[in-house]
Amino acid sequence: MEQYPAVQFMVTHGRKLSILVGLALPILVALGMVFAEWHWVWGIAAIAAGAGLGFAFRTFAELTQIIADMLLPQ
């Protein structure tokens, strides 16, 4: 798998990155709510969108793991 560094990176760090991706949007919107006085509805939308993005990224990471296990030589 040395030939595919991006696949190796996703296999190694995909789960951690999915958590980071899922939390990034709610944290950024929370900062906007505190410092830019955005409405609280944006916070609810950011939590829902963050959960969706985290789930989508986790699915992508798991599919990458499956492809690496099935198709790439060990």
PDB file of N, CA and C in Angstrom:
ATOM      1  N   MET A   1       0.829  -1.193   0.000  1.00  0.00           N
ATOM      2  CA  MET A   1       0.000   0.000   0.000  1.00  0.00           C
ATOM      3  C   MET A   1       0.874   1.258   0.000  1.00  0.00           C
ATOM      4  N   GLU A   2       2.181   1.074  -0.118  1.00  0.00           N
ATOM      5  CA  GLU A   2       3.080   2.215  -0.153  1.00  0.00           C
ATOM      6  C   GLU A   2       2.884   3.068  -1.397  1.00  0.00           C
ATOM      7  N   GLN A   3       2.312   2.468  -2.438  1.00  0.00           N
ATOM      8  CA  GLN A   3       2.093   3.187  -3.694  1.00  0.00           C
ATOM      9  C   GLN A   3       0.956   4.195  -3.576  1.00  0.00           C
ATOM     10  N   TYR A   4       0.097   4.032  -2.588  1.00  0.00           N
ATOM     11  CA  TYR A   4      -1.101   4.857  -2.448  1.00  0.00           C
ATOM     12  C   TYR A   4      -1.095   5.540  -1.080  1.00  0.00           C
ATOM     13  N   PRO A   5      -0.372   6.638  -0.945  1.00  0.00           N
ATOM     14  CA  PRO A   5      -0.276   7.272   0.377  1.00  0.00           C
ATOM     15  C   PRO A   5      -1.602   7.866   0.865  1.00  0.00           C
ATOM     16  N   ALA A   6      -2.448   8.333  -0.042  1.00  0.00           N
ATOM     17  CA  ALA A   6      -3.728   8.896   0.381  1.00  0.00           C
ATOM     18  C   ALA A   6      -4.643   7.808   0.940  1.00  0.00           C
ATOM     19  N   VAL A   7      -4.631   6.638   0.307  1.00  0.00           N
ATOM     20  CA  VAL A   7      -5.431   5.519   0.803  1.00  0.00           C
ATOM     21  C   VAL A   7      -4.896   5.071   2.154  1.00  0.00           C
ATOM     22  N   GLN A   8      -3.596   4.989   2.281  1.00  0.00           N
ATOM     23  CA  GLN A   8      -2.995   4.589   3.555  1.00  0.00           C
ATOM     24  C   GLN A   8      -3.331   5.601   4.645  1.00  0.00           C
ATOM     25  N   PHE A   9      -3.325   6.878   4.321  1.00  0.00           N
ATOM     26  CA  PHE A   9      -3.671   7.913   5.294  1.00  0.00           C
ATOM     27  C   PHE A   9      -5.127   7.771   5.737  1.00  0.00           C
ATOM     28  N   MET A  10      -6.038   7.528   4.775  1.00  0.00           N
ATOM     29  CA  MET A  10      -7.449   7.375   5.126  1.00  0.00           C
ATOM     30  C   MET A  10      -7.689   6.124   5.951  1.00  0.00           C
ATOM     31  N   VAL A  11      -6.993   5.045   5.639  1.00  0.00           N
ATOM     32  CA  VAL A  11      -7.151   3.812   6.406  1.00  0.00           C
ATOM     33  C   VAL A  11      -6.654   4.024   7.832  1.00  0.00           C
ATOM     34  N   THR A  12      -5.554   4.740   7.969  1.00  0.00           N
ATOM     35  CA  THR A  12      -4.958   4.942   9.284  1.00  0.00           C
ATOM     36  C   THR A  12      -5.715   5.968  10.126  1.00  0.00           C
ATOM     37  N   HIS A  13      -6.119   7.073   9.527  1.00  0.00           N
ATOM     38  CA  HIS A  13      -6.656   8.197  10.289  1.00  0.00           C
ATOM     39  C   HIS A  13      -8.111   8.539   9.969  1.00  0.00           C
ATOM     40  N   GLY A  14      -8.816   7.705   9.230  1.00  0.00           N
ATOM     41  CA  GLY A  14     -10.166   8.036   8.784  1.00  0.00           C
ATOM     42  C   GLY A  14     -11.160   8.246   9.907  1.00  0.00           C
ATOM     43  N   ARG A  15     -11.130   7.403  10.924  1.00  0.00           N
ATOM     44  CA  ARG A  15     -12.086   7.539  12.033  1.00  0.00           C
ATOM     45  C   ARG A  15     -11.865   8.827  12.815  1.00  0.00           C
ATOM     46  N   LYS A  16     -10.613   9.154  13.073  1.00  0.00           N
ATOM     47  CA  LYS A  16     -10.315  10.387  13.811  1.00  0.00           C
ATOM     48  C   LYS A  16     -10.719  11.614  12.999  1.00  0.00           C
ATOM     49  N   LEU A  17     -10.467  11.567  11.702  1.00  0.00           N
ATOM     50  CA  LEU A  17     -10.830  12.692  10.851  1.00  0.00           C
ATOM     51  C   LEU A  17     -12.341  12.868  10.752  1.00  0.00           C
ATOM     52  N   SER A  18     -13.093  11.760  10.788  1.00  0.00           N
ATOM     53  CA  SER A  18     -14.544  11.886  10.722  1.00  0.00           C
ATOM     54  C   SER A  18     -15.082  12.605  11.955  1.00  0.00           C
ATOM     55  N   ILE A  19     -14.483  12.366  13.111  1.00  0.00           N
ATOM     56  CA  ILE A  19     -14.889  13.091  14.318  1.00  0.00           C
ATOM     57  C   ILE A  19     -14.542  14.572  14.180  1.00  0.00           C
ATOM     58  N   LEU A  20     -13.355  14.849  13.676  1.00  0.00           N
ATOM     59  CA  LEU A  20     -12.930  16.231  13.491  1.00  0.00           C
ATOM     60  C   LEU A  20     -13.828  16.964  12.497  1.00  0.00           C
ATOM     61  N   VAL A  21     -14.160  16.306  11.401  1.00  0.00           N
ATOM     62  CA  VAL A  21     -15.037  16.911  10.398  1.00  0.00           C
ATOM     63  C   VAL A  21     -16.422  17.168  10.982  1.00  0.00           C
ATOM     64  N   GLY A  22     -16.920  16.217  11.764  1.00  0.00           N
ATOM     65  CA  GLY A  22     -18.242  16.376  12.364  1.00  0.00           C
ATOM     66  C   GLY A  22     -18.308  17.486  13.395  1.00  0.00           C
ATOM     67  N   LEU A  23     -17.206  17.763  14.070  1.00  0.00           N
ATOM     68  CA  LEU A  23     -17.202  18.803  15.102  1.00  0.00           C
ATOM     69  C   LEU A  23     -16.794  20.173  14.586  1.00  0.00           C
ATOM     70  N   ALA A  24     -16.147  20.226  13.441  1.00  0.00           N
ATOM     71  CA  ALA A  24     -15.611  21.494  12.945  1.00  0.00           C
ATOM     72  C   ALA A  24     -16.709  22.530  12.686  1.00  0.00           C
ATOM     73  N   LEU A  25     -17.759  22.145  12.017  1.00  0.00           N
ATOM     74  CA  LEU A  25     -18.818  23.108  11.678  1.00  0.00           C
ATOM     75  C   LEU A  25     -19.550  23.616  12.921  1.00  0.00           C
ATOM     76  N   PRO A  26     -19.976  22.746  13.840  1.00  0.00           N
ATOM     77  CA  PRO A  26     -20.617  23.287  15.051  1.00  0.00           C
ATOM     78  C   PRO A  26     -19.704  24.200  15.872  1.00  0.00           C
ATOM     79  N   ILE A  27     -18.410  23.895  15.924  1.00  0.00           N
ATOM     80  CA  ILE A  27     -17.491  24.759  16.673  1.00  0.00           C
ATOM     81  C   ILE A  27     -17.362  26.115  15.991  1.00  0.00           C
ATOM     82  N   LEU A  28     -17.230  26.114  14.672  1.00  0.00           N
ATOM     83  CA  LEU A  28     -17.117  27.387  13.956  1.00  0.00           C
ATOM     84  C   LEU A  28     -18.382  28.228  14.099  1.00  0.00           C
ATOM     85  N   VAL A  29     -19.533  27.589  14.030  1.00  0.00           N
ATOM     86  CA  VAL A  29     -20.788  28.332  14.184  1.00  0.00           C
ATOM     87  C   VAL A  29     -20.952  28.814  15.620  1.00  0.00           C
ATOM     88  N   ALA A  30     -20.512  28.019  16.591  1.00  0.00           N
ATOM     89  CA  ALA A  30     -20.571  28.472  17.988  1.00  0.00           C
ATOM     90  C   ALA A  30     -19.710  29.718  18.182  1.00  0.00           C
ATOM     91  N   LEU A  31     -18.546  29.744  17.558  1.00  0.00           N
ATOM     92  CA  LEU A  31     -17.721  30.945  17.619  1.00  0.00           C
ATOM     93  C   LEU A  31     -18.416  32.135  16.955  1.00  0.00           C
ATOM     94  N   GLY A  32     -19.086  31.874  15.847  1.00  0.00           N
ATOM     95  CA  GLY A  32     -19.852  32.936  15.192  1.00  0.00           C
ATOM     96  C   GLY A  32     -21.005  33.429  16.053  1.00  0.00           C
ATOM     97  N   MET A  33     -21.622  32.511  16.789  1.00  0.00           N
ATOM     98  CA  MET A  33     -22.716  32.916  17.680  1.00  0.00           C
ATOM     99  C   MET A  33     -22.199  33.775  18.836  1.00  0.00           C
ATOM    100  N   VAL A  34     -21.005  33.463  19.316  1.00  0.00           N
ATOM    101  CA  VAL A  34     -20.450  34.219  20.440  1.00  0.00           C
ATOM    102  C   VAL A  34     -19.906  35.570  19.988  1.00  0.00           C
ATOM    103  N   PHE A  35     -19.097  35.562  18.940  1.00  0.00           N
ATOM    104  CA  PHE A  35     -18.393  36.789  18.561  1.00  0.00           C
ATOM    105  C   PHE A  35     -19.140  37.653  17.547  1.00  0.00           C
ATOM    106  N   ALA A  36     -19.914  37.051  16.662  1.00  0.00           N
ATOM    107  CA  ALA A  36     -20.619  37.826  15.643  1.00  0.00           C
ATOM    108  C   ALA A  36     -22.108  37.951  15.938  1.00  0.00           C
ATOM    109  N   GLU A  37     -22.538  37.386  17.069  1.00  0.00           N
ATOM    110  CA  GLU A  37     -23.928  37.462  17.524  1.00  0.00           C
ATOM    111  C   GLU A  37     -24.903  36.902  16.494  1.00  0.00           C
ATOM    112  N   TRP A  38     -24.560  35.727  15.936  1.00  0.00           N
ATOM    113  CA  TRP A  38     -25.477  35.047  15.038  1.00  0.00           C
ATOM    114  C   TRP A  38     -26.646  34.512  15.840  1.00  0.00           C
ATOM    115  N   HIS A  39     -27.732  34.251  15.158  1.00  0.00           N
ATOM    116  CA  HIS A  39     -28.936  33.720  15.798  1.00  0.00           C
ATOM    117  C   HIS A  39     -28.709  32.270  16.221  1.00  0.00           C
ATOM    118  N   TRP A  40     -29.369  31.823  17.289  1.00  0.00           N
ATOM    119  CA  TRP A  40     -29.177  30.473  17.819  1.00  0.00           C
ATOM    120  C   TRP A  40     -29.647  29.384  16.869  1.00  0.00           C
ATOM    121  N   VAL A  41     -30.509  29.719  15.912  1.00  0.00           N
ATOM    122  CA  VAL A  41     -30.984  28.724  14.945  1.00  0.00           C
ATOM    123  C   VAL A  41     -29.820  28.181  14.120  1.00  0.00           C
ATOM    124  N   TRP A  42     -28.820  29.020  13.872  1.00  0.00           N
ATOM    125  CA  TRP A  42     -27.647  28.559  13.129  1.00  0.00           C
ATOM    126  C   TRP A  42     -26.908  27.478  13.902  1.00  0.00           C
ATOM    127  N   GLY A  43     -26.951  27.540  15.212  1.00  0.00           N
ATOM    128  CA  GLY A  43     -26.317  26.506  16.030  1.00  0.00           C
ATOM    129  C   GLY A  43     -26.985  25.161  15.856  1.00  0.00           C
ATOM    130  N   ILE A  44     -28.313  25.154  15.838  1.00  0.00           N
ATOM    131  CA  ILE A  44     -29.042  23.901  15.628  1.00  0.00           C
ATOM    132  C   ILE A  44     -28.762  23.348  14.237  1.00  0.00           C
ATOM    133  N   ALA A  45     -28.766  24.225  13.239  1.00  0.00           N
ATOM    134  CA  ALA A  45     -28.470  23.793  11.869  1.00  0.00           C
ATOM    135  C   ALA A  45     -27.043  23.254  11.755  1.00  0.00           C
ATOM    136  N   ALA A  46     -26.112  23.874  12.462  1.00  0.00           N
ATOM    137  CA  ALA A  46     -24.721  23.426  12.409  1.00  0.00           C
ATOM    138  C   ALA A  46     -24.556  22.065  13.071  1.00  0.00           C
ATOM    139  N   ILE A  47     -25.274  21.807  14.150  1.00  0.00           N
ATOM    140  CA  ILE A  47     -25.199  20.499  14.801  1.00  0.00           C
ATOM    141  C   ILE A  47     -25.730  19.415  13.868  1.00  0.00           C
ATOM    142  N   ALA A  48     -26.862  19.691  13.222  1.00  0.00           N
ATOM    143  CA  ALA A  48     -27.420  18.709  12.284  1.00  0.00           C
ATOM    144  C   ALA A  48     -26.496  18.497  11.089  1.00  0.00           C
ATOM    145  N   ALA A  49     -25.978  19.572  10.542  1.00  0.00           N
ATOM    146  CA  ALA A  49     -25.081  19.452   9.392  1.00  0.00           C
ATOM    147  C   ALA A  49     -23.767  18.778   9.787  1.00  0.00           C
ATOM    148  N   GLY A  50     -23.267  19.071  10.974  1.00  0.00           N
ATOM    149  CA  GLY A  50     -22.040  18.433  11.446  1.00  0.00           C
ATOM    150  C   GLY A  50     -22.217  16.940  11.628  1.00  0.00           C
ATOM    151  N   ALA A  51     -23.371  16.535  12.157  1.00  0.00           N
ATOM    152  CA  ALA A  51     -23.646  15.102  12.304  1.00  0.00           C
ATOM    153  C   ALA A  51     -23.718  14.429  10.935  1.00  0.00           C
ATOM    154  N   GLY A  52     -24.348  15.086   9.986  1.00  0.00           N
ATOM    155  CA  GLY A  52     -24.435  14.534   8.636  1.00  0.00           C
ATOM    156  C   GLY A  52     -23.075  14.449   7.957  1.00  0.00           C
ATOM    157  N   LEU A  53     -22.282  15.494   8.087  1.00  0.00           N
ATOM    158  CA  LEU A  53     -20.942  15.489   7.487  1.00  0.00           C
ATOM    159  C   LEU A  53     -20.041  14.455   8.144  1.00  0.00           C
ATOM    160  N   GLY A  54     -20.132  14.337   9.455  1.00  0.00           N
ATOM    161  CA  GLY A  54     -19.331  13.330  10.150  1.00  0.00           C
ATOM    162  C   GLY A  54     -19.703  11.926   9.727  1.00  0.00           C
ATOM    163  N   PHE A  55     -21.008  11.667   9.586  1.00  0.00           N
ATOM    164  CA  PHE A  55     -21.469  10.355   9.136  1.00  0.00           C
ATOM    165  C   PHE A  55     -21.016  10.072   7.712  1.00  0.00           C
ATOM    166  N   ALA A  56     -21.122  11.057   6.836  1.00  0.00           N
ATOM    167  CA  ALA A  56     -20.705  10.873   5.448  1.00  0.00           C
ATOM    168  C   ALA A  56     -19.204  10.611   5.361  1.00  0.00           C
ATOM    169  N   PHE A  57     -18.416  11.335   6.132  1.00  0.00           N
ATOM    170  CA  PHE A  57     -16.964  11.134   6.110  1.00  0.00           C
ATOM    171  C   PHE A  57     -16.593   9.786   6.700  1.00  0.00           C
ATOM    172  N   ARG A  58     -17.314   9.370   7.750  1.00  0.00           N
ATOM    173  CA  ARG A  58     -17.052   8.052   8.348  1.00  0.00           C
ATOM    174  C   ARG A  58     -17.367   6.952   7.343  1.00  0.00           C
ATOM    175  N   THR A  59     -18.459   7.107   6.598  1.00  0.00           N
ATOM    176  CA  THR A  59     -18.811   6.145   5.564  1.00  0.00           C
ATOM    177  C   THR A  59     -17.731   6.087   4.494  1.00  0.00           C
ATOM    178  N   PHE A  60     -17.236   7.248   4.076  1.00  0.00           N
ATOM    179  CA  PHE A  60     -16.163   7.300   3.090  1.00  0.00           C
ATOM    180  C   PHE A  60     -14.906   6.600   3.610  1.00  0.00           C
ATOM    181  N   ALA A  61     -14.563   6.824   4.877  1.00  0.00           N
ATOM    182  CA  ALA A  61     -13.383   6.193   5.460  1.00  0.00           C
ATOM    183  C   ALA A  61     -13.547   4.676   5.524  1.00  0.00           C
ATOM    184  N   GLU A  62     -14.738   4.209   5.886  1.00  0.00           N
ATOM    185  CA  GLU A  62     -14.968   2.768   5.954  1.00  0.00           C
ATOM    186  C   GLU A  62     -14.970   2.133   4.565  1.00  0.00           C
ATOM    187  N   LEU A  63     -15.513   2.817   3.577  1.00  0.00           N
ATOM    188  CA  LEU A  63     -15.466   2.298   2.205  1.00  0.00           C
ATOM    189  C   LEU A  63     -14.027   2.235   1.703  1.00  0.00           C
ATOM    190  N   THR A  64     -13.227   3.213   2.050  1.00  0.00           N
ATOM    191  CA  THR A  64     -11.815   3.176   1.686  1.00  0.00           C
ATOM    192  C   THR A  64     -11.121   1.988   2.332  1.00  0.00           C
ATOM    193  N   GLN A  65     -11.459   1.717   3.581  1.00  0.00           N
ATOM    194  CA  GLN A  65     -10.893   0.557   4.284  1.00  0.00           C
ATOM    195  C   GLN A  65     -11.296  -0.752   3.596  1.00  0.00           C
ATOM    196  N   ILE A  66     -12.552  -0.869   3.214  1.00  0.00           N
ATOM    197  CA  ILE A  66     -13.023  -2.077   2.532  1.00  0.00           C
ATOM    198  C   ILE A  66     -12.300  -2.258   1.204  1.00  0.00           C
ATOM    199  N   ILE A  67     -12.192  -1.195   0.436  1.00  0.00           N
ATOM    200  CA  ILE A  67     -11.511  -1.283  -0.857  1.00  0.00           C
ATOM    201  C   ILE A  67     -10.047  -1.653  -0.669  1.00  0.00           C
ATOM    202  N   ALA A  68      -9.406  -1.061   0.328  1.00  0.00           N
ATOM    203  CA  ALA A  68      -8.002  -1.375   0.562  1.00  0.00           C
ATOM    204  C   ALA A  68      -7.839  -2.823   0.987  1.00  0.00           C
ATOM    205  N   ASP A  69      -8.745  -3.348   1.784  1.00  0.00           N
ATOM    206  CA  ASP A  69      -8.648  -4.744   2.233  1.00  0.00           C
ATOM    207  C   ASP A  69      -8.916  -5.722   1.087  1.00  0.00           C
ATOM    208  N   MET A  70      -9.849  -5.387   0.232  1.00  0.00           N
ATOM    209  CA  MET A  70     -10.281  -6.327  -0.795  1.00  0.00           C
ATOM    210  C   MET A  70      -9.428  -6.279  -2.073  1.00  0.00           C
ATOM    211  N   LEU A  71      -9.015  -5.101  -2.467  1.00  0.00           N
ATOM    212  CA  LEU A  71      -8.419  -4.969  -3.792  1.00  0.00           C
ATOM    213  C   LEU A  71      -6.912  -4.756  -3.801  1.00  0.00           C
ATOM    214  N   LEU A  72      -6.373  -4.155  -2.768  1.00  0.00           N
ATOM    215  CA  LEU A  72      -4.949  -3.869  -2.796  1.00  0.00           C
ATOM    216  C   LEU A  72      -4.163  -5.040  -2.224  1.00  0.00           C
ATOM    217  N   PRO A  73      -3.038  -5.357  -2.840  1.00  0.00           N
ATOM    218  CA  PRO A  73      -2.217  -6.439  -2.293  1.00  0.00           C
ATOM    219  C   PRO A  73      -1.609  -6.049  -0.955  1.00  0.00           C
ATOM    220  N   GLN A  74      -1.462  -7.018  -0.087  1.00  0.00           N
ATOM    221  CA  GLN A  74      -0.950  -6.739   1.258  1.00  0.00           C
ATOM    222  C   GLN A  74       0.546  -6.716   1.303  1.00  0.00           C
TER     223      GLN A  74
END
